[in-house]
N, C-alpha and C. Protein backbone atom coordinates (compact mmCIF):
# COMPACT_ATOMS: atom_id res chain seq x y z
N UNK A 1 31.03 -7.35 -33.30
CA UNK A 1 29.89 -7.14 -32.44
C UNK A 1 30.29 -6.38 -31.18
N UNK A 2 31.45 -6.65 -30.62
CA UNK A 2 31.91 -5.95 -29.43
C UNK A 2 32.19 -4.48 -29.71
N UNK A 3 32.68 -4.20 -30.90
CA UNK A 3 33.02 -2.84 -31.26
C UNK A 3 31.80 -1.93 -31.19
N UNK A 4 30.68 -2.38 -31.72
CA UNK A 4 29.48 -1.53 -31.73
C UNK A 4 28.86 -1.43 -30.34
N UNK A 5 29.02 -2.47 -29.50
CA UNK A 5 28.52 -2.35 -28.13
C UNK A 5 29.29 -1.29 -27.37
N UNK A 6 30.59 -1.22 -27.60
CA UNK A 6 31.40 -0.21 -26.95
C UNK A 6 30.98 1.19 -27.40
N UNK A 7 30.74 1.37 -28.69
CA UNK A 7 30.30 2.68 -29.16
C UNK A 7 28.91 3.01 -28.66
N UNK A 8 28.08 1.95 -28.49
CA UNK A 8 26.74 2.15 -27.95
C UNK A 8 26.80 2.63 -26.51
N UNK A 9 27.73 2.08 -25.74
CA UNK A 9 27.88 2.49 -24.35
C UNK A 9 28.33 3.95 -24.28
N UNK A 10 29.30 4.33 -25.09
CA UNK A 10 29.78 5.71 -25.05
C UNK A 10 28.76 6.68 -25.63
N UNK A 11 27.92 6.20 -26.53
CA UNK A 11 26.91 7.07 -27.15
C UNK A 11 25.92 7.58 -26.10
N UNK A 12 25.53 6.73 -25.16
CA UNK A 12 24.51 7.10 -24.17
C UNK A 12 25.11 7.36 -22.80
N UNK A 13 26.42 7.49 -22.72
CA UNK A 13 27.07 7.76 -21.44
C UNK A 13 26.66 9.13 -20.89
N UNK A 14 26.48 10.10 -21.76
CA UNK A 14 26.06 11.43 -21.32
C UNK A 14 24.69 11.41 -20.67
N UNK A 15 23.79 10.61 -21.23
CA UNK A 15 22.46 10.50 -20.63
C UNK A 15 22.54 9.83 -19.26
N UNK A 16 23.41 8.81 -19.16
CA UNK A 16 23.56 8.13 -17.88
C UNK A 16 24.17 9.08 -16.83
N UNK A 17 25.14 9.88 -17.24
CA UNK A 17 25.73 10.84 -16.31
C UNK A 17 24.72 11.93 -15.94
N UNK A 18 23.82 12.24 -16.86
CA UNK A 18 22.80 13.25 -16.59
C UNK A 18 21.91 12.87 -15.42
N UNK A 19 21.68 11.57 -15.25
CA UNK A 19 20.85 11.13 -14.12
C UNK A 19 21.52 11.47 -12.80
N UNK A 20 22.82 11.19 -12.70
CA UNK A 20 23.55 11.52 -11.47
C UNK A 20 23.59 13.01 -11.21
N UNK A 21 23.75 13.77 -12.27
CA UNK A 21 23.77 15.22 -12.14
C UNK A 21 22.43 15.74 -11.66
N UNK A 22 21.35 15.20 -12.21
CA UNK A 22 20.02 15.65 -11.78
C UNK A 22 19.73 15.23 -10.34
N UNK A 23 20.26 14.11 -9.90
CA UNK A 23 20.09 13.72 -8.49
C UNK A 23 20.79 14.73 -7.57
N UNK A 24 21.97 15.17 -7.96
CA UNK A 24 22.68 16.18 -7.17
C UNK A 24 21.92 17.50 -7.18
N UNK A 25 21.37 17.86 -8.33
CA UNK A 25 20.58 19.10 -8.43
C UNK A 25 19.34 19.01 -7.54
N UNK A 26 18.73 17.82 -7.46
CA UNK A 26 17.55 17.66 -6.61
C UNK A 26 17.89 17.90 -5.14
N UNK A 27 19.03 17.36 -4.70
CA UNK A 27 19.45 17.57 -3.30
C UNK A 27 19.73 19.06 -3.04
N UNK A 28 20.42 19.69 -3.98
CA UNK A 28 20.75 21.11 -3.81
C UNK A 28 19.49 21.98 -3.84
N UNK A 29 18.52 21.59 -4.65
CA UNK A 29 17.26 22.34 -4.71
C UNK A 29 16.53 22.26 -3.38
N UNK A 30 16.52 21.08 -2.79
CA UNK A 30 15.85 20.94 -1.50
C UNK A 30 16.56 21.79 -0.44
N UNK A 31 17.88 21.75 -0.44
CA UNK A 31 18.65 22.56 0.52
C UNK A 31 18.40 24.05 0.29
N UNK A 32 18.35 24.47 -0.96
CA UNK A 32 18.11 25.88 -1.27
C UNK A 32 16.72 26.32 -0.80
N UNK A 33 15.73 25.45 -0.99
CA UNK A 33 14.38 25.81 -0.53
C UNK A 33 14.31 25.93 0.99
N UNK A 34 15.00 25.05 1.70
CA UNK A 34 15.03 25.15 3.17
C UNK A 34 15.74 26.44 3.58
N UNK A 35 16.80 26.79 2.88
CA UNK A 35 17.49 28.05 3.20
C UNK A 35 16.59 29.26 2.93
N UNK A 36 15.82 29.20 1.88
CA UNK A 36 14.86 30.29 1.61
C UNK A 36 13.83 30.34 2.73
N UNK A 37 13.40 29.18 3.22
CA UNK A 37 12.47 29.15 4.35
C UNK A 37 13.06 29.77 5.60
N UNK A 38 14.33 29.49 5.88
CA UNK A 38 15.01 30.10 7.03
C UNK A 38 15.08 31.61 6.83
N UNK A 39 15.38 32.04 5.61
CA UNK A 39 15.44 33.47 5.32
C UNK A 39 14.09 34.14 5.53
N UNK A 40 13.03 33.49 5.06
CA UNK A 40 11.69 34.07 5.24
C UNK A 40 11.34 34.14 6.72
N UNK A 41 11.68 33.08 7.46
CA UNK A 41 11.40 33.08 8.90
C UNK A 41 12.14 34.23 9.60
N UNK A 42 13.43 34.37 9.29
CA UNK A 42 14.20 35.43 9.94
C UNK A 42 13.70 36.81 9.54
N UNK A 43 13.23 36.96 8.32
CA UNK A 43 12.70 38.24 7.87
C UNK A 43 11.41 38.58 8.62
N UNK A 44 10.54 37.59 8.76
CA UNK A 44 9.25 37.85 9.40
C UNK A 44 9.36 37.93 10.92
N UNK A 45 10.32 37.22 11.48
CA UNK A 45 10.43 37.20 12.93
C UNK A 45 11.47 38.19 13.45
N UNK A 46 12.03 39.03 12.59
CA UNK A 46 13.09 39.96 13.04
C UNK A 46 12.58 40.95 14.08
N UNK A 47 11.34 41.36 13.95
CA UNK A 47 10.79 42.29 14.92
C UNK A 47 10.65 41.61 16.28
N UNK A 48 10.35 40.33 16.27
CA UNK A 48 10.21 39.61 17.53
C UNK A 48 11.57 39.25 18.14
N UNK A 49 12.57 39.09 17.30
CA UNK A 49 13.89 38.70 17.78
C UNK A 49 14.73 39.89 18.23
N UNK A 50 14.23 41.11 18.05
CA UNK A 50 15.02 42.30 18.39
C UNK A 50 15.23 42.42 19.90
N UNK A 51 14.25 42.06 20.70
CA UNK A 51 14.47 42.07 22.15
C UNK A 51 14.56 40.63 22.63
N UNK A 52 15.33 40.42 23.64
CA UNK A 52 15.64 39.05 24.08
C UNK A 52 14.57 38.47 24.99
N UNK A 53 13.65 39.27 25.45
CA UNK A 53 12.66 38.76 26.38
C UNK A 53 11.35 38.54 25.63
N UNK A 54 10.95 37.27 25.54
CA UNK A 54 9.76 36.90 24.77
C UNK A 54 8.62 36.60 25.72
N UNK A 55 7.47 37.13 25.38
CA UNK A 55 6.28 36.79 26.15
C UNK A 55 5.73 35.46 25.61
N UNK A 56 4.73 34.97 26.32
CA UNK A 56 4.12 33.70 25.93
C UNK A 56 3.54 33.80 24.52
N UNK A 57 2.87 34.88 24.21
CA UNK A 57 2.26 35.08 22.90
C UNK A 57 3.29 35.22 21.79
N UNK A 58 4.38 35.94 22.10
CA UNK A 58 5.42 36.11 21.09
C UNK A 58 6.08 34.77 20.74
N UNK A 59 6.28 33.95 21.74
CA UNK A 59 6.87 32.64 21.47
C UNK A 59 5.94 31.80 20.59
N UNK A 60 4.66 31.89 20.82
CA UNK A 60 3.70 31.14 20.00
C UNK A 60 3.67 31.66 18.57
N UNK A 61 3.72 32.97 18.41
CA UNK A 61 3.72 33.56 17.07
C UNK A 61 5.00 33.17 16.33
N UNK A 62 6.15 33.23 17.01
CA UNK A 62 7.41 32.83 16.37
C UNK A 62 7.37 31.35 15.99
N UNK A 63 6.82 30.52 16.84
CA UNK A 63 6.70 29.10 16.52
C UNK A 63 5.82 28.87 15.32
N UNK A 64 4.71 29.60 15.26
CA UNK A 64 3.80 29.45 14.12
C UNK A 64 4.44 29.97 12.84
N UNK A 65 5.11 31.11 12.91
CA UNK A 65 5.80 31.66 11.73
C UNK A 65 6.89 30.69 11.29
N UNK A 66 7.64 30.15 12.23
CA UNK A 66 8.70 29.20 11.90
C UNK A 66 8.15 27.92 11.29
N UNK A 67 7.06 27.42 11.85
CA UNK A 67 6.45 26.20 11.32
C UNK A 67 5.94 26.40 9.90
N UNK A 68 5.27 27.51 9.67
CA UNK A 68 4.72 27.76 8.34
C UNK A 68 5.83 28.02 7.32
N UNK A 69 6.77 28.87 7.65
CA UNK A 69 7.81 29.21 6.66
C UNK A 69 8.77 28.05 6.44
N UNK A 70 9.26 27.43 7.50
CA UNK A 70 10.19 26.31 7.31
C UNK A 70 9.48 25.06 6.78
N UNK A 71 8.30 24.80 7.30
CA UNK A 71 7.55 23.63 6.82
C UNK A 71 7.13 23.77 5.36
N UNK A 72 6.68 24.98 5.01
CA UNK A 72 6.29 25.22 3.61
C UNK A 72 7.48 25.16 2.67
N UNK A 73 8.61 25.70 3.12
CA UNK A 73 9.81 25.66 2.29
C UNK A 73 10.31 24.23 2.14
N UNK A 74 10.26 23.44 3.22
CA UNK A 74 10.69 22.05 3.13
C UNK A 74 9.77 21.26 2.20
N UNK A 75 8.45 21.46 2.34
CA UNK A 75 7.50 20.75 1.47
C UNK A 75 7.69 21.15 0.00
N UNK A 76 7.92 22.43 -0.25
CA UNK A 76 8.17 22.89 -1.62
C UNK A 76 9.46 22.28 -2.17
N UNK A 77 10.51 22.30 -1.36
CA UNK A 77 11.78 21.72 -1.78
C UNK A 77 11.65 20.23 -2.05
N UNK A 78 10.90 19.52 -1.20
CA UNK A 78 10.69 18.09 -1.39
C UNK A 78 9.94 17.83 -2.70
N UNK A 79 8.88 18.60 -2.95
CA UNK A 79 8.10 18.40 -4.17
C UNK A 79 8.93 18.69 -5.42
N UNK A 80 9.68 19.77 -5.40
CA UNK A 80 10.52 20.10 -6.57
C UNK A 80 11.60 19.04 -6.77
N UNK A 81 12.19 18.57 -5.67
CA UNK A 81 13.23 17.54 -5.82
C UNK A 81 12.64 16.23 -6.33
N UNK A 82 11.43 15.90 -5.94
CA UNK A 82 10.79 14.68 -6.45
C UNK A 82 10.54 14.80 -7.95
N UNK A 83 10.12 15.96 -8.41
CA UNK A 83 9.91 16.17 -9.85
C UNK A 83 11.23 16.01 -10.60
N UNK A 84 12.29 16.58 -10.05
CA UNK A 84 13.60 16.46 -10.70
C UNK A 84 14.06 15.00 -10.71
N UNK A 85 13.84 14.27 -9.61
CA UNK A 85 14.24 12.86 -9.56
C UNK A 85 13.43 12.01 -10.54
N UNK A 86 12.15 12.32 -10.68
CA UNK A 86 11.34 11.60 -11.67
C UNK A 86 11.86 11.88 -13.07
N UNK A 87 12.21 13.12 -13.34
CA UNK A 87 12.77 13.46 -14.64
C UNK A 87 14.09 12.72 -14.86
N UNK A 88 14.90 12.59 -13.80
CA UNK A 88 16.16 11.84 -13.92
C UNK A 88 15.90 10.38 -14.25
N UNK A 89 14.88 9.79 -13.63
CA UNK A 89 14.54 8.40 -13.93
C UNK A 89 14.00 8.25 -15.35
N UNK A 90 13.21 9.21 -15.80
CA UNK A 90 12.72 9.17 -17.18
C UNK A 90 13.88 9.28 -18.16
N UNK A 91 14.82 10.14 -17.86
CA UNK A 91 16.01 10.28 -18.70
C UNK A 91 16.79 8.97 -18.76
N UNK A 92 16.90 8.31 -17.63
CA UNK A 92 17.60 7.02 -17.58
C UNK A 92 16.82 5.96 -18.38
N UNK A 93 15.51 5.99 -18.28
CA UNK A 93 14.70 5.03 -19.05
C UNK A 93 14.84 5.28 -20.55
N UNK A 94 14.89 6.54 -20.95
CA UNK A 94 15.10 6.86 -22.37
C UNK A 94 16.46 6.35 -22.85
N UNK A 95 17.47 6.52 -22.02
CA UNK A 95 18.80 6.03 -22.39
C UNK A 95 18.81 4.52 -22.51
N UNK A 96 18.15 3.83 -21.59
CA UNK A 96 18.06 2.37 -21.66
C UNK A 96 17.29 1.92 -22.89
N UNK A 97 16.20 2.61 -23.20
CA UNK A 97 15.40 2.24 -24.37
C UNK A 97 16.18 2.47 -25.67
N UNK A 98 16.89 3.56 -25.73
CA UNK A 98 17.69 3.83 -26.93
C UNK A 98 18.81 2.81 -27.09
N UNK A 99 19.42 2.46 -25.99
CA UNK A 99 20.48 1.46 -26.03
C UNK A 99 19.92 0.09 -26.43
N UNK A 100 18.77 -0.27 -25.90
CA UNK A 100 18.15 -1.54 -26.25
C UNK A 100 17.74 -1.57 -27.72
N UNK A 101 17.23 -0.47 -28.22
CA UNK A 101 16.85 -0.40 -29.64
C UNK A 101 18.08 -0.55 -30.53
N UNK A 102 19.16 0.07 -30.13
CA UNK A 102 20.40 -0.03 -30.90
C UNK A 102 20.91 -1.47 -30.90
N UNK A 103 20.89 -2.12 -29.74
CA UNK A 103 21.34 -3.51 -29.67
C UNK A 103 20.41 -4.43 -30.45
N UNK A 104 19.11 -4.17 -30.42
CA UNK A 104 18.16 -4.99 -31.18
C UNK A 104 18.39 -4.86 -32.68
N UNK A 105 18.60 -3.65 -33.13
CA UNK A 105 18.86 -3.43 -34.56
C UNK A 105 20.15 -4.13 -34.98
N UNK A 106 21.15 -4.06 -34.13
CA UNK A 106 22.40 -4.74 -34.45
C UNK A 106 22.21 -6.26 -34.48
N UNK A 107 21.43 -6.78 -33.56
CA UNK A 107 21.17 -8.22 -33.53
C UNK A 107 20.43 -8.66 -34.79
N UNK A 108 19.46 -7.87 -35.21
CA UNK A 108 18.72 -8.20 -36.43
C UNK A 108 19.66 -8.19 -37.63
N UNK A 109 20.52 -7.19 -37.70
CA UNK A 109 21.44 -7.09 -38.83
C UNK A 109 22.47 -8.22 -38.85
N UNK A 110 22.98 -8.61 -37.71
CA UNK A 110 24.06 -9.60 -37.68
C UNK A 110 23.58 -11.03 -37.61
N UNK A 111 22.42 -11.29 -37.02
CA UNK A 111 21.97 -12.66 -36.83
C UNK A 111 20.75 -13.02 -37.67
N UNK A 112 19.71 -12.24 -37.56
CA UNK A 112 18.44 -12.61 -38.20
C UNK A 112 18.48 -12.48 -39.71
N UNK A 113 19.01 -11.39 -40.22
CA UNK A 113 19.03 -11.18 -41.67
C UNK A 113 19.84 -12.26 -42.40
N UNK A 114 21.05 -12.61 -41.94
CA UNK A 114 21.78 -13.68 -42.63
C UNK A 114 21.07 -15.04 -42.54
N UNK A 115 20.44 -15.31 -41.42
CA UNK A 115 19.72 -16.58 -41.27
C UNK A 115 18.54 -16.63 -42.24
N UNK A 116 17.79 -15.56 -42.34
CA UNK A 116 16.67 -15.52 -43.28
C UNK A 116 17.16 -15.63 -44.72
N UNK A 117 18.30 -15.05 -44.99
CA UNK A 117 18.86 -15.15 -46.35
C UNK A 117 19.22 -16.60 -46.67
N UNK A 118 19.84 -17.30 -45.70
CA UNK A 118 20.18 -18.71 -45.92
C UNK A 118 18.93 -19.55 -46.11
N UNK A 119 17.89 -19.29 -45.35
CA UNK A 119 16.64 -20.04 -45.50
C UNK A 119 16.03 -19.79 -46.87
N UNK A 120 16.01 -18.53 -47.31
CA UNK A 120 15.45 -18.21 -48.62
C UNK A 120 16.24 -18.87 -49.73
N UNK A 121 17.56 -18.87 -49.63
CA UNK A 121 18.38 -19.52 -50.65
C UNK A 121 18.15 -21.02 -50.67
N UNK A 122 17.99 -21.62 -49.50
CA UNK A 122 17.73 -23.06 -49.44
C UNK A 122 16.39 -23.40 -50.07
N UNK A 123 15.39 -22.55 -49.82
CA UNK A 123 14.07 -22.80 -50.42
C UNK A 123 14.09 -22.59 -51.92
N UNK A 124 14.88 -21.64 -52.40
CA UNK A 124 14.96 -21.40 -53.84
C UNK A 124 15.69 -22.54 -54.55
N UNK A 125 16.65 -23.15 -53.90
CA UNK A 125 17.40 -24.24 -54.52
C UNK A 125 16.60 -25.54 -54.56
N UNK A 126 15.66 -25.72 -53.67
CA UNK A 126 14.87 -26.95 -53.62
C UNK A 126 13.93 -27.01 -54.82
N UNK A 127 13.85 -28.17 -55.49
CA UNK A 127 12.95 -28.27 -56.65
C UNK A 127 11.49 -28.09 -56.24
N UNK A 128 10.72 -27.50 -57.14
CA UNK A 128 9.31 -27.22 -56.85
C UNK A 128 8.50 -28.49 -56.62
N UNK A 129 8.78 -29.54 -57.36
CA UNK A 129 8.01 -30.77 -57.22
C UNK A 129 8.18 -31.39 -55.84
N UNK A 130 9.38 -31.34 -55.30
CA UNK A 130 9.65 -31.90 -53.99
C UNK A 130 8.87 -31.15 -52.91
N UNK A 131 8.75 -29.86 -53.05
CA UNK A 131 8.01 -29.06 -52.10
C UNK A 131 6.52 -29.39 -52.18
N UNK A 132 5.99 -29.55 -53.41
CA UNK A 132 4.58 -29.90 -53.57
C UNK A 132 4.30 -31.28 -53.01
N UNK A 133 5.25 -32.23 -53.19
CA UNK A 133 5.08 -33.57 -52.64
C UNK A 133 4.99 -33.53 -51.13
N UNK A 134 5.84 -32.74 -50.52
CA UNK A 134 5.83 -32.65 -49.06
C UNK A 134 4.51 -32.09 -48.55
N UNK A 135 3.96 -31.14 -49.25
CA UNK A 135 2.68 -30.56 -48.83
C UNK A 135 1.56 -31.59 -48.92
N UNK A 136 1.51 -32.33 -50.02
CA UNK A 136 0.43 -33.31 -50.17
C UNK A 136 0.60 -34.44 -49.18
N UNK A 137 1.81 -34.84 -48.88
CA UNK A 137 2.04 -35.89 -47.89
C UNK A 137 1.59 -35.42 -46.52
N UNK A 138 1.88 -34.19 -46.21
CA UNK A 138 1.49 -33.65 -44.91
C UNK A 138 -0.02 -33.52 -44.82
N UNK A 139 -0.69 -33.12 -45.90
CA UNK A 139 -2.13 -32.91 -45.87
C UNK A 139 -2.89 -34.23 -45.84
N UNK A 140 -2.35 -35.28 -46.45
CA UNK A 140 -3.07 -36.55 -46.52
C UNK A 140 -2.76 -37.44 -45.33
N UNK A 141 -1.84 -37.06 -44.50
CA UNK A 141 -1.52 -37.87 -43.33
C UNK A 141 -2.74 -37.88 -42.40
N UNK A 142 -3.13 -39.05 -41.90
CA UNK A 142 -4.30 -39.10 -41.00
C UNK A 142 -3.98 -38.44 -39.67
N UNK A 143 -4.97 -37.77 -39.19
CA UNK A 143 -4.80 -37.08 -37.90
C UNK A 143 -5.05 -38.05 -36.76
N UNK A 144 -4.23 -37.95 -35.76
CA UNK A 144 -4.45 -38.80 -34.58
C UNK A 144 -5.08 -37.94 -33.49
N UNK A 145 -5.99 -38.50 -32.77
CA UNK A 145 -6.54 -37.67 -31.72
C UNK A 145 -7.93 -37.94 -31.49
């Protein structure tokens, strides 16, 4: 029984490792999206950043461009990373379900099937008359209640 549990663990180890890998990919995706947001901000604000003296209006425009590009990139990165994390959890749930199904099948094969076989053999060995007697005794017993 221990031997098959060990093979069961190694069989789904790749799926379990996949969850950790997808978590790392989710973090990197979020970082990449923020970097794209910084790139978009610098691209759009380059004309404003060319001279060092900013007027009141230019500062407001740069703030708005920065808020939209960085905020949008962060929100996009967060949403994509959440989808990846959900997929990682689904992958982990599939691995757990497959492992549980394998353990259940093994339990049925090693415990339930031999027990049912012993019960069937015991019932086949018992004389038919004795079984009929037990049924009539049980049926004719007065009910209490």
